[in-house]
Amino acid sequence: MNTQVAIVGGGPVGLVLALFLDHYGVQSLVVESAPTTRWVPKGSTHNARTMEHYRRLGIASAMRNRGLPAEHATDLAYFNRYSGWELARRPQPSEADRLRMRTASVRTDQFVEPLFRCNQMYVERYLLEQAKTRPNITLRYGCEADSFHADDAGTALTVNPAEDKPERWAAQYLVGCDGSQSELRRWLGIRYDGADTLDHGRAFYAGQMFATYLRAPTLYRDYFGKKPAWLYWSVNPEFQTALVAVNGVDEFLMFLKTPVRGGPPDNSTIGRSMGRDDIPFEILSQSPWTAGVALVAQSFGRGRVHLAGDSVHLFTPTGGFGMNTGIDDTANLSWKLAAAVHGWAGDGLLSTYEAERRPIAQRNTGAARELAKVVTAVPVPPELEQLNGAGEAARRVLGAALAEHRDEVTSWGVQLGARYDQSQLTVSDTAPPADVHADYVPSAIPGGRAPHVWMNEHRGNGDSLFDQFGRGFTLLELGRNPSSSAGLQAAAAACGMPLKTLRIDDPLIREVYERDLVMVRPDQHIAWRGNRLPDNPARLIAQMIGAA
């Protein structure tokens, strides 16, 4: 049995990779050991860059109908215990508020698709539903993959259904999106580098923790209903917990680390975080995990085998960067695989996947680790829960400190600022902007994400400059009288590189991009810009497709 790309792992990264490949007209096989997507809550943050990728795939708007109710606030609220004092609150807009803000935004606003709070289990299920509708995607859920093979001619693997005969599949390329215990990574003999945890002790995001999926039917009615939030912290001298709203009604995901080593938190521990022993709750599931990690694989693949997502980088969850970095991996890898399958990739194109994405993985895991240190660094006064003046003062001081926490709300540079300045595919023309995790300053300097501009005063599908980009490369001809790009178009056609030319006479867009001619890659990163073509357009095209 044959396909063009075989993907091991049917989580969000594997499914988005398959959808991107379908977007480029490439067949794929997705093999997943679970019978369907896992119905257990995980991360809940789909950042602005991930939502842009969903927009390219045509699924962003429908995705926003899932998860929390549209008017549910996404505040970060801090309590001593959930039925006790509210110490601090960082107000954040609801999903509906974010879309209203987009409607009223200026044309150069960079958040074409604002950050979206929705638990990963809802998104995974929707991605699977979408994959089932695509003729280029073959799904094998409830199947184990093994007996891998790869050589210069292609790859192969065996797919083992639970109650049927094994299938032997051949593919041009093989991709592992199979998580931290990746069988493909182990088969390749690739190890992680980095830090396996933060210092232990009272550090919250350090060492073994437990994720507890629970149902608490009266929390909203009795405590959270008037001022709902997305993330509720419980901070007291005994321990800390983080409680994430899953459905906005009665389901939550609790992260908890107690001073007691060993098994998962029991009803008594969870009850103490609530602050009352008469608040009803039901534990639906529990699973251990290790916090504080910042691990990046030594390599992102070999030959015709590549790795993406958790199989090459592991995060502590502060910032919500893990899955989002994996989705961004697929945006980079998918167009290069498509170029190789369709025959217009240079010999060096696929090797740039690791060269471009591994530094981003190191940057993002480090950013998440720094945020984890910030969470841990705030001291909890021992008199916090006292019913006297000392207690009131302690609560006031701790609340002020908690209100200054940094998180993914202040990490726009991590979300939108990934750059490939040192890539052999990038033709730089000036020094890149500084890499600041908290802030994103749009820049048309080659290597970074193309700056966003709305084409008109509307804010719907088709109104973004991004919506006008082609599925391959896009050449922007800007201003009133740009130089002829005929030589570049001819060079692209000669090597089979898909190229869409956009002629735009809009002074604002010309001002943002600063040049008359701008070449945008399929993943929306800028490869080159200039006011006239170089003397050898064919050489420029060769560099951008890894053939130089």
Protein backbone atom coordinates (compact mmCIF):
# COMPACT_ATOMS: atom_id res chain seq x y z
CA MET A 1 0.00 0.00 0.00
CA ASN A 2 1.38 3.38 -0.97
CA THR A 3 1.13 6.99 0.14
CA GLN A 4 3.31 10.05 -0.30
CA VAL A 5 3.84 10.92 3.39
CA ALA A 6 3.24 8.59 6.35
CA ILE A 7 2.58 10.29 9.70
CA VAL A 8 2.92 8.38 12.97
CA GLY A 9 0.79 10.08 15.63
CA GLY A 10 -2.76 11.39 15.30
CA GLY A 11 -2.73 14.17 17.89
CA PRO A 12 -3.18 17.82 16.91
CA VAL A 13 0.30 18.11 15.37
CA GLY A 14 -0.09 15.00 13.23
CA LEU A 15 -3.58 15.96 12.11
CA VAL A 16 -2.62 19.55 11.23
CA LEU A 17 0.36 18.24 9.26
CA ALA A 18 -2.00 15.97 7.31
CA LEU A 19 -4.39 18.88 6.69
CA PHE A 20 -1.53 21.10 5.48
CA LEU A 21 -0.31 18.36 3.15
CA ASP A 22 -3.85 18.00 1.78
CA HIS A 23 -3.87 21.79 1.35
CA TYR A 24 -0.83 21.39 -0.92
CA GLY A 25 -2.27 18.39 -2.79
CA VAL A 26 -0.16 15.71 -1.06
CA GLN A 27 -1.47 12.33 0.07
CA SER A 28 -0.80 11.21 3.62
CA LEU A 29 -1.44 8.31 5.97
CA VAL A 30 -2.03 9.02 9.69
CA VAL A 31 -1.41 6.14 12.11
CA GLU A 32 -2.58 6.49 15.71
CA SER A 33 -2.59 3.82 18.44
CA ALA A 34 -5.70 5.21 20.18
CA PRO A 35 -9.08 4.31 18.63
CA THR A 36 -10.00 8.01 18.40
CA THR A 37 -8.76 11.32 19.78
CA ARG A 38 -8.29 11.27 23.54
CA TRP A 39 -11.20 12.75 25.47
CA VAL A 40 -9.10 14.07 28.33
CA PRO A 41 -8.38 17.80 28.74
CA LYS A 42 -4.86 19.07 28.05
CA GLY A 43 -3.71 22.53 27.01
CA SER A 44 -6.25 25.26 26.31
CA THR A 45 -4.31 27.95 24.46
CA HIS A 46 -4.32 28.26 20.68
CA ASN A 47 -2.15 31.27 20.14
CA ALA A 48 -2.40 33.94 17.46
CA ARG A 49 0.04 32.20 15.11
CA THR A 50 -1.70 28.84 15.42
CA MET A 51 -5.02 30.51 14.66
CA GLU A 52 -3.46 32.04 11.53
CA HIS A 53 -2.51 28.54 10.41
CA TYR A 54 -6.06 27.35 11.06
CA ARG A 55 -7.28 30.31 8.98
CA ARG A 56 -5.10 29.22 6.05
CA LEU A 57 -6.70 25.80 6.29
CA GLY A 58 -10.17 27.35 6.30
CA ILE A 59 -11.14 26.09 9.76
CA ALA A 60 -10.48 29.01 12.14
CA SER A 61 -14.02 30.38 12.21
CA ALA A 62 -15.63 26.99 12.84
CA MET A 63 -12.98 26.21 15.47
CA ARG A 64 -14.08 29.24 17.49
CA ASN A 65 -17.51 27.70 18.03
CA ARG A 66 -15.97 25.10 20.33
CA GLY A 67 -14.80 25.22 23.93
CA LEU A 68 -15.96 27.85 26.40
CA PRO A 69 -19.13 29.86 25.74
CA ALA A 70 -18.37 32.90 23.58
CA GLU A 71 -19.15 35.41 26.35
CA HIS A 72 -17.19 33.53 29.05
CA ALA A 73 -14.41 35.80 30.35
CA THR A 74 -10.88 34.46 30.11
CA ASP A 75 -9.53 36.26 33.17
CA LEU A 76 -6.70 34.99 35.33
CA ALA A 77 -7.98 34.99 38.90
CA TYR A 78 -5.98 34.33 42.08
CA PHE A 79 -7.50 33.08 45.36
CA ASN A 80 -6.14 31.81 48.61
CA ARG A 81 -8.67 28.97 48.17
CA TYR A 82 -11.48 28.81 45.67
CA SER A 83 -14.20 29.57 48.21
CA GLY A 84 -12.07 32.15 50.00
CA TRP A 85 -10.50 35.53 49.26
CA GLU A 86 -9.85 36.70 45.72
CA LEU A 87 -6.30 38.06 45.88
CA ALA A 88 -5.87 39.44 42.36
CA ARG A 89 -7.37 39.31 38.90
CA ARG A 90 -6.02 39.98 35.45
CA PRO A 91 -9.06 40.76 33.26
CA GLN A 92 -8.98 39.26 29.78
CA PRO A 93 -11.56 39.48 26.99
CA SER A 94 -14.00 36.73 26.17
CA GLU A 95 -13.95 35.10 22.74
CA ALA A 96 -16.80 37.37 21.66
CA ASP A 97 -14.92 40.42 22.98
CA ARG A 98 -11.81 39.49 20.99
CA LEU A 99 -13.80 39.24 17.77
CA ARG A 100 -15.49 42.58 18.49
CA MET A 101 -12.06 44.12 19.03
CA ARG A 102 -10.93 42.70 15.69
CA THR A 103 -13.96 44.27 13.97
CA ALA A 104 -12.95 47.67 15.35
CA SER A 105 -9.20 47.27 14.70
CA VAL A 106 -6.99 49.47 12.52
CA ARG A 107 -5.85 48.11 9.16
CA THR A 108 -2.34 47.35 10.41
CA ASP A 109 -3.50 45.40 13.47
CA GLN A 110 -1.43 42.21 13.64
CA PHE A 111 -4.06 39.99 15.25
CA VAL A 112 -5.90 38.75 12.21
CA GLU A 113 -6.80 35.71 14.32
CA PRO A 114 -6.75 36.51 18.05
CA LEU A 115 -5.61 34.03 20.68
CA PHE A 116 -8.31 31.39 21.37
CA ARG A 117 -9.04 29.57 24.65
CA CYS A 118 -10.37 26.09 23.95
CA ASN A 119 -9.32 22.81 25.47
CA GLN A 120 -7.21 20.69 23.19
CA MET A 121 -9.58 17.71 23.38
CA TYR A 122 -12.32 19.67 21.58
CA VAL A 123 -9.89 20.88 18.92
CA GLU A 124 -8.40 17.42 18.34
CA ARG A 125 -11.85 15.96 17.80
CA TYR A 126 -12.70 18.70 15.32
CA LEU A 127 -9.40 18.23 13.46
CA LEU A 128 -10.15 14.52 13.15
CA GLU A 129 -13.62 15.30 11.79
CA GLN A 130 -12.00 17.56 9.18
CA ALA A 131 -9.37 14.98 8.26
CA LYS A 132 -12.10 12.42 7.58
CA THR A 133 -13.53 14.69 4.88
CA ARG A 134 -10.26 15.10 2.94
CA PRO A 135 -9.66 12.65 0.07
CA ASN A 136 -5.88 12.95 0.37
CA ILE A 137 -5.85 11.74 4.01
CA THR A 138 -6.03 8.07 5.00
CA LEU A 139 -6.64 7.43 8.69
CA ARG A 140 -5.63 4.35 10.66
CA TYR A 141 -6.73 4.89 14.27
CA GLY A 142 -6.51 2.06 16.78
CA CYS A 143 -3.36 0.83 15.04
CA GLU A 144 0.25 0.46 16.15
CA ALA A 145 3.07 1.41 13.79
CA ASP A 146 6.36 -0.51 13.78
CA SER A 147 8.97 -2.18 11.54
CA PHE A 148 10.18 1.14 10.18
CA HIS A 149 12.51 1.29 7.20
CA ALA A 150 14.11 4.20 5.38
CA ASP A 151 16.72 4.50 2.64
CA ASP A 152 17.54 6.85 -0.22
CA ALA A 153 14.62 5.50 -2.27
CA GLY A 154 11.84 5.88 0.30
CA THR A 155 10.42 4.69 3.61
CA ALA A 156 8.17 1.91 4.87
CA LEU A 157 6.31 0.91 8.01
CA THR A 158 3.91 -1.76 9.21
CA VAL A 159 0.46 -0.75 10.45
CA ASN A 160 -1.06 -3.21 12.92
CA PRO A 161 -4.84 -2.96 13.45
CA ALA A 162 -6.12 -4.43 16.71
CA GLU A 163 -8.38 -6.98 15.03
CA ASP A 164 -7.16 -7.31 11.45
CA LYS A 165 -4.15 -8.30 9.40
CA PRO A 166 -1.08 -6.04 9.39
CA GLU A 167 -0.65 -3.66 6.48
CA ARG A 168 2.71 -2.84 4.93
CA TRP A 169 2.88 0.75 3.70
CA ALA A 170 5.46 2.47 1.50
CA ALA A 171 5.86 6.25 1.56
CA GLN A 172 8.24 8.77 0.09
CA TYR A 173 8.64 10.39 3.52
CA LEU A 174 7.93 9.41 7.11
CA VAL A 175 7.13 11.90 9.91
CA GLY A 176 6.96 11.20 13.64
CA CYS A 177 4.36 13.25 15.53
CA ASP A 178 4.09 10.58 18.20
CA GLY A 179 4.89 12.54 21.34
CA SER A 180 7.50 12.46 24.06
CA GLN A 181 7.84 8.67 23.94
CA SER A 182 8.24 8.74 20.15
CA GLU A 183 9.00 5.32 18.71
CA LEU A 184 10.37 6.96 15.57
CA ARG A 185 12.78 9.13 17.52
CA ARG A 186 13.99 6.11 19.46
CA TRP A 187 14.35 4.12 16.24
CA LEU A 188 16.54 6.92 14.86
CA GLY A 189 18.56 6.96 18.10
CA ILE A 190 17.95 10.67 18.75
CA ARG A 191 18.05 11.97 22.32
CA TYR A 192 16.81 15.13 24.02
CA ASP A 193 19.10 17.89 25.26
CA GLY A 194 18.22 20.49 27.86
CA ALA A 195 16.84 20.75 31.39
CA ASP A 196 14.60 18.00 32.72
CA THR A 197 13.05 20.08 35.53
CA LEU A 198 13.36 23.22 37.62
CA ASP A 199 14.86 23.12 41.09
CA HIS A 200 12.62 21.17 43.42
CA GLY A 201 11.38 22.34 46.80
CA ARG A 202 8.36 24.63 46.83
CA ALA A 203 8.61 25.32 43.09
CA PHE A 204 5.13 24.80 41.64
CA TYR A 205 6.05 23.86 38.07
CA ALA A 206 8.82 21.44 39.04
CA GLY A 207 9.07 17.69 39.31
CA GLN A 208 6.11 15.36 39.40
CA MET A 209 2.66 16.89 39.21
CA PHE A 210 -0.81 15.58 38.57
CA ALA A 211 -3.47 16.69 36.11
CA THR A 212 -6.90 15.98 37.57
CA TYR A 213 -9.98 16.18 35.35
CA LEU A 214 -12.94 16.84 37.61
CA ARG A 215 -16.57 17.82 37.60
CA ALA A 216 -17.69 20.37 40.21
CA PRO A 217 -21.35 21.24 39.52
CA THR A 218 -21.74 24.07 42.06
CA LEU A 219 -18.50 26.06 41.69
CA TYR A 220 -19.96 28.49 39.15
CA ARG A 221 -23.26 28.79 40.98
CA ASP A 222 -21.76 29.47 44.40
CA TYR A 223 -18.34 31.03 43.74
CA PHE A 224 -17.35 31.70 40.11
CA GLY A 225 -20.62 32.66 38.46
CA LYS A 226 -20.55 36.42 38.96
CA LYS A 227 -16.90 36.78 37.91
CA PRO A 228 -15.90 33.80 35.75
CA ALA A 229 -12.33 33.27 34.60
CA TRP A 230 -10.41 30.88 32.39
CA LEU A 231 -7.64 30.12 34.92
CA TYR A 232 -8.20 30.08 38.68
CA TRP A 233 -5.15 29.93 40.93
CA SER A 234 -5.27 28.81 44.55
CA VAL A 235 -2.24 30.17 46.42
CA ASN A 236 -1.76 29.56 50.13
CA PRO A 237 0.97 28.53 52.57
CA GLU A 238 0.00 24.87 52.21
CA PHE A 239 0.20 24.44 48.43
CA GLN A 240 -0.73 25.93 45.05
CA THR A 241 -3.16 24.67 42.44
CA ALA A 242 -4.19 25.88 39.01
CA LEU A 243 -7.78 25.22 37.90
CA VAL A 244 -8.57 25.61 34.18
CA ALA A 245 -12.16 26.03 32.98
CA VAL A 246 -12.91 23.30 30.43
CA ASN A 247 -16.55 23.76 29.38
CA GLY A 248 -17.59 26.87 31.32
CA VAL A 249 -20.29 24.90 33.14
CA ASP A 250 -19.00 22.27 35.51
CA GLU A 251 -15.78 20.68 34.19
CA PHE A 252 -12.26 21.74 35.17
CA LEU A 253 -8.66 20.60 34.81
CA MET A 254 -6.64 20.96 38.01
CA PHE A 255 -2.85 21.03 38.14
CA LEU A 256 -1.64 20.24 41.61
CA LYS A 257 1.60 19.48 43.36
CA THR A 258 1.38 18.66 47.04
CA PRO A 259 4.22 18.41 49.55
CA VAL A 260 3.43 14.71 49.77
CA ARG A 261 5.41 12.65 47.29
CA GLY A 262 3.93 9.59 45.68
CA GLY A 263 0.38 9.07 44.45
CA PRO A 264 -2.18 11.45 42.98
CA PRO A 265 -4.02 14.01 45.09
CA ASP A 266 -6.94 12.54 46.99
CA ASN A 267 -10.34 14.02 47.73
CA SER A 268 -9.05 15.59 50.92
CA THR A 269 -6.26 17.47 49.14
CA ILE A 270 -8.57 18.72 46.40
CA GLY A 271 -11.14 19.70 49.01
CA ARG A 272 -8.56 21.78 50.88
CA SER A 273 -7.75 23.69 47.70
CA MET A 274 -11.49 24.42 47.41
CA GLY A 275 -11.49 25.76 50.96
CA ARG A 276 -14.62 23.91 52.09
CA ASP A 277 -15.27 20.23 52.58
CA ASP A 278 -18.91 20.48 51.45
CA ILE A 279 -18.23 21.55 47.84
CA PRO A 280 -19.20 18.53 45.70
CA PHE A 281 -16.84 17.31 42.99
CA GLU A 282 -16.17 14.12 41.04
CA ILE A 283 -12.74 13.04 39.81
CA LEU A 284 -13.09 11.93 36.18
CA SER A 285 -9.45 11.05 35.54
CA GLN A 286 -5.92 11.70 36.81
CA SER A 287 -2.54 11.47 35.16
CA PRO A 288 1.02 12.28 36.31
CA TRP A 289 3.38 14.52 34.38
CA THR A 290 6.73 16.20 34.91
CA ALA A 291 6.85 19.98 35.12
CA GLY A 292 9.78 22.33 34.53
CA VAL A 293 11.21 20.57 31.49
CA ALA A 294 12.83 22.41 28.59
CA LEU A 295 14.02 19.64 26.26
CA VAL A 296 14.88 19.78 22.55
CA ALA A 297 15.92 16.81 20.44
CA GLN A 298 19.48 16.70 19.20
CA SER A 299 18.15 16.31 15.67
CA PHE A 300 14.77 16.75 13.98
CA GLY A 301 15.19 13.71 11.75
CA ARG A 302 17.45 11.93 9.32
CA GLY A 303 17.21 11.42 5.59
CA ARG A 304 13.58 10.89 4.63
CA VAL A 305 12.39 10.70 8.24
CA HIS A 306 11.41 13.86 10.13
CA LEU A 307 10.02 14.62 13.59
CA ALA A 308 7.66 17.34 14.85
CA GLY A 309 5.84 18.41 18.00
CA ASP A 310 6.54 16.75 21.34
CA SER A 311 8.75 14.17 19.66
CA VAL A 312 11.37 16.92 19.32
CA HIS A 313 10.54 19.43 22.06
CA LEU A 314 9.04 19.17 25.54
CA PHE A 315 7.74 22.17 27.48
CA THR A 316 6.55 23.08 30.90
CA PRO A 317 3.01 24.38 30.29
CA THR A 318 3.50 28.01 31.34
CA GLY A 319 2.78 30.15 28.32
CA GLY A 320 0.92 27.42 26.45
CA PHE A 321 3.79 27.18 23.95
CA GLY A 322 4.06 23.40 23.50
CA MET A 323 1.31 22.43 21.07
CA ASN A 324 1.55 25.81 19.35
CA THR A 325 5.26 25.31 18.60
CA GLY A 326 4.37 21.89 17.18
CA ILE A 327 1.70 23.39 14.91
CA ASP A 328 4.26 25.94 13.70
CA ASP A 329 6.63 23.01 12.98
CA THR A 330 4.05 21.58 10.59
CA ALA A 331 3.61 24.90 8.79
CA ASN A 332 7.35 24.86 8.06
CA LEU A 333 7.72 21.18 7.26
CA SER A 334 4.56 20.68 5.18
CA TRP A 335 5.41 23.01 2.29
CA LYS A 336 8.91 21.56 2.05
CA LEU A 337 7.56 18.01 1.94
CA ALA A 338 5.05 19.14 -0.70
CA ALA A 339 7.87 20.69 -2.74
CA ALA A 340 9.82 17.43 -2.56
CA VAL A 341 6.80 15.29 -3.49
CA HIS A 342 5.84 17.57 -6.39
CA GLY A 343 9.41 17.71 -7.66
CA TRP A 344 10.43 21.36 -7.33
CA ALA A 345 12.44 21.20 -4.09
CA GLY A 346 16.17 21.71 -4.22
CA ASP A 347 18.40 19.04 -2.72
CA GLY A 348 18.94 21.13 0.41
CA LEU A 349 15.35 22.22 1.08
CA LEU A 350 14.25 19.54 3.56
CA SER A 351 17.42 19.93 5.61
CA THR A 352 16.39 23.52 6.34
CA TYR A 353 13.46 22.24 8.41
CA GLU A 354 15.77 21.36 11.30
CA ALA A 355 18.02 24.37 10.69
CA GLU A 356 15.04 26.73 10.96
CA ARG A 357 12.89 25.05 13.59
CA ARG A 358 15.40 23.73 16.14
CA PRO A 359 16.51 27.25 17.21
CA ILE A 360 12.84 28.19 17.60
CA ALA A 361 12.25 25.14 19.80
CA GLN A 362 15.20 26.13 21.98
CA ARG A 363 13.94 29.71 22.19
CA ASN A 364 10.36 28.73 23.06
CA THR A 365 11.20 26.04 25.62
CA GLY A 366 13.47 28.55 27.31
CA ALA A 367 10.72 31.18 27.34
CA ALA A 368 8.26 28.74 28.95
CA ARG A 369 10.83 27.82 31.57
CA GLU A 370 11.40 31.47 32.44
CA LEU A 371 7.68 31.98 32.90
CA ALA A 372 7.59 28.94 35.21
CA LYS A 373 10.27 30.57 37.34
CA VAL A 374 8.17 33.71 37.61
CA VAL A 375 5.20 31.71 38.90
CA THR A 376 7.44 30.09 41.50
CA ALA A 377 9.25 33.27 42.53
CA VAL A 378 6.36 34.97 44.33
CA PRO A 379 6.67 34.19 48.07
CA VAL A 380 3.52 33.27 49.98
CA PRO A 381 3.39 34.96 53.42
CA PRO A 382 2.71 32.47 56.25
CA GLU A 383 0.11 34.81 57.74
CA LEU A 384 -1.88 34.98 54.47
CA GLU A 385 -4.99 33.29 55.85
CA GLN A 386 -5.06 34.92 59.25
CA LEU A 387 -8.22 36.86 60.21
CA ASN A 388 -6.39 39.96 61.44
CA GLY A 389 -4.52 42.99 60.20
CA ALA A 390 -1.40 40.99 59.43
CA GLY A 391 -3.47 38.67 57.24
CA GLU A 392 -5.10 41.60 55.41
CA ALA A 393 -1.70 43.17 54.74
CA ALA A 394 -0.27 39.85 53.50
CA ARG A 395 -3.18 39.36 51.12
CA ARG A 396 -2.79 42.90 49.79
CA VAL A 397 0.95 42.51 49.16
CA LEU A 398 0.63 39.06 47.57
CA GLY A 399 -2.24 40.22 45.38
CA ALA A 400 -0.18 43.11 44.03
CA ALA A 401 2.68 40.75 43.21
CA LEU A 402 0.41 38.21 41.49
CA ALA A 403 -1.20 40.92 39.38
CA GLU A 404 2.19 41.52 37.74
CA HIS A 405 2.63 37.91 36.54
CA ARG A 406 3.76 37.45 32.97
CA ASP A 407 2.14 34.71 30.91
CA GLU A 408 1.06 33.97 27.34
CA VAL A 409 -1.04 37.14 27.42
CA THR A 410 2.25 39.07 27.41
CA SER A 411 4.23 36.79 25.09
CA TRP A 412 3.37 38.17 21.67
CA GLY A 413 7.01 37.99 20.63
CA VAL A 414 7.03 34.24 21.23
CA GLN A 415 3.74 33.81 19.38
CA LEU A 416 4.39 35.89 16.27
CA GLY A 417 8.10 36.70 16.34
CA ALA A 418 9.74 33.46 15.15
CA ARG A 419 12.43 34.31 12.59
CA TYR A 420 14.65 32.34 10.22
CA ASP A 421 17.37 34.96 9.72
CA GLN A 422 20.24 32.46 9.53
CA SER A 423 18.46 30.13 7.10
CA GLN A 424 20.06 29.50 3.73
CA LEU A 425 16.61 30.18 2.23
CA THR A 426 16.54 33.76 3.52
CA VAL A 427 18.09 36.68 1.62
CA SER A 428 18.64 39.29 4.33
CA ASP A 429 18.87 42.98 3.48
CA THR A 430 19.32 44.57 6.92
CA ALA A 431 19.77 43.63 10.57
CA PRO A 432 16.73 41.83 12.04
CA PRO A 433 14.73 43.32 14.93
CA ALA A 434 15.56 42.31 18.48
CA ASP A 435 13.98 39.10 19.74
CA VAL A 436 11.81 40.16 22.69
CA HIS A 437 9.56 37.46 24.16
CA ALA A 438 6.94 39.85 25.50
CA ASP A 439 6.50 42.12 22.47
CA TYR A 440 6.00 41.68 18.74
CA VAL A 441 6.98 44.51 16.42
CA PRO A 442 5.93 43.73 12.83
CA SER A 443 8.80 43.84 10.37
CA ALA A 444 9.15 43.13 6.66
CA ILE A 445 12.84 42.30 7.03
CA PRO A 446 13.33 38.87 5.35
CA GLY A 447 13.28 35.93 7.74
CA GLY A 448 10.22 36.84 9.79
CA ARG A 449 6.47 36.50 9.49
CA ALA A 450 4.99 38.76 6.83
CA PRO A 451 3.35 41.75 8.53
CA HIS A 452 -0.42 41.66 8.49
CA VAL A 453 -2.58 44.33 6.84
CA TRP A 454 -6.34 44.37 6.25
CA MET A 455 -7.14 45.02 2.59
CA ASN A 456 -10.15 47.22 3.36
CA GLU A 457 -12.38 48.32 6.22
CA HIS A 458 -14.00 44.90 6.59
CA ARG A 459 -12.65 42.13 8.84
CA GLY A 460 -14.10 38.92 7.43
CA ASN A 461 -12.73 35.99 5.46
CA GLY A 462 -11.05 37.27 2.30
CA ASP A 463 -10.38 40.73 3.76
CA SER A 464 -6.88 40.02 5.07
CA LEU A 465 -3.75 40.36 2.97
CA PHE A 466 -2.93 36.86 4.20
CA ASP A 467 -6.11 35.60 2.51
CA GLN A 468 -4.73 36.78 -0.83
CA PHE A 469 -1.48 34.81 -0.59
CA GLY A 470 -1.15 31.75 -2.81
CA ARG A 471 -0.60 28.17 -1.67
CA GLY A 472 2.93 28.31 -2.99
CA PHE A 473 5.17 31.37 -3.00
CA THR A 474 3.59 34.81 -3.36
CA LEU A 475 5.29 37.76 -5.07
CA LEU A 476 3.97 41.13 -3.93
CA GLU A 477 4.26 43.96 -6.46
CA LEU A 478 3.66 47.07 -4.37
CA GLY A 479 3.31 50.77 -5.03
CA ARG A 480 2.30 52.61 -8.18
CA ASN A 481 5.15 51.65 -10.51
CA PRO A 482 7.04 48.58 -9.25
CA SER A 483 9.83 47.18 -11.37
CA SER A 484 8.98 44.34 -13.70
CA SER A 485 9.06 40.93 -12.06
CA ALA A 486 8.87 38.98 -15.31
CA GLY A 487 12.36 37.54 -14.87
CA LEU A 488 11.50 36.17 -11.45
CA GLN A 489 8.24 34.67 -12.67
CA ALA A 490 10.03 33.01 -15.57
CA ALA A 491 12.71 31.57 -13.28
CA ALA A 492 10.05 30.16 -10.94
CA ALA A 493 8.15 28.60 -13.85
CA ALA A 494 11.34 27.05 -15.20
CA CYS A 495 11.89 25.01 -12.03
CA GLY A 496 8.22 24.30 -11.33
CA MET A 497 7.98 26.47 -8.22
CA PRO A 498 4.35 27.58 -7.72
CA LEU A 499 4.21 31.38 -7.68
CA LYS A 500 1.26 33.76 -7.39
CA THR A 501 1.84 37.41 -8.23
CA LEU A 502 -0.19 40.02 -6.36
CA ARG A 503 -0.22 43.55 -7.81
CA ILE A 504 -1.34 45.91 -5.03
CA ASP A 505 -1.41 49.69 -5.38
CA ASP A 506 -2.00 50.54 -1.72
CA PRO A 507 0.28 53.15 -0.11
CA LEU A 508 -0.25 51.67 3.37
CA ILE A 509 0.85 48.17 2.36
CA ARG A 510 3.84 49.60 0.47
CA GLU A 511 4.78 51.57 3.60
CA VAL A 512 4.57 48.47 5.81
CA TYR A 513 6.67 46.29 3.48
CA GLU A 514 9.15 49.07 2.56
CA ARG A 515 10.03 47.65 -0.87
CA ASP A 516 8.37 47.39 -4.29
CA LEU A 517 8.90 43.62 -4.61
CA VAL A 518 8.50 41.11 -1.76
CA MET A 519 8.66 37.31 -1.96
CA VAL A 520 6.60 35.48 0.67
CA ARG A 521 7.09 31.76 1.31
CA PRO A 522 4.18 29.31 1.59
CA ASP A 523 4.43 29.50 5.42
CA GLN A 524 4.02 33.32 5.27
CA HIS A 525 7.66 34.11 6.12
CA ILE A 526 9.44 36.62 3.92
CA ALA A 527 12.25 35.16 1.81
CA TRP A 528 13.42 38.23 -0.13
CA ARG A 529 12.53 41.82 -0.95
CA GLY A 530 13.92 44.59 -3.15
CA ASN A 531 13.04 47.54 -5.34
CA ARG A 532 14.22 45.73 -8.45
CA LEU A 533 15.11 42.20 -9.44
CA PRO A 534 18.64 40.92 -8.95
CA ASP A 535 20.83 40.43 -12.00
CA ASN A 536 20.29 36.66 -11.83
CA PRO A 537 16.66 35.86 -10.88
CA ALA A 538 17.23 32.14 -11.41
CA ARG A 539 19.91 32.12 -8.72
CA LEU A 540 17.53 33.84 -6.30
CA ILE A 541 14.80 31.27 -6.95
CA ALA A 542 17.34 28.47 -6.51
CA GLN A 543 18.31 29.85 -3.10
CA MET A 544 14.69 30.11 -1.92
CA ILE A 545 13.96 26.45 -2.77
CA GLY A 546 17.19 25.02 -1.36
CA ALA A 547 18.89 24.43 -4.72
CA ALA A 548 21.66 27.01 -4.38
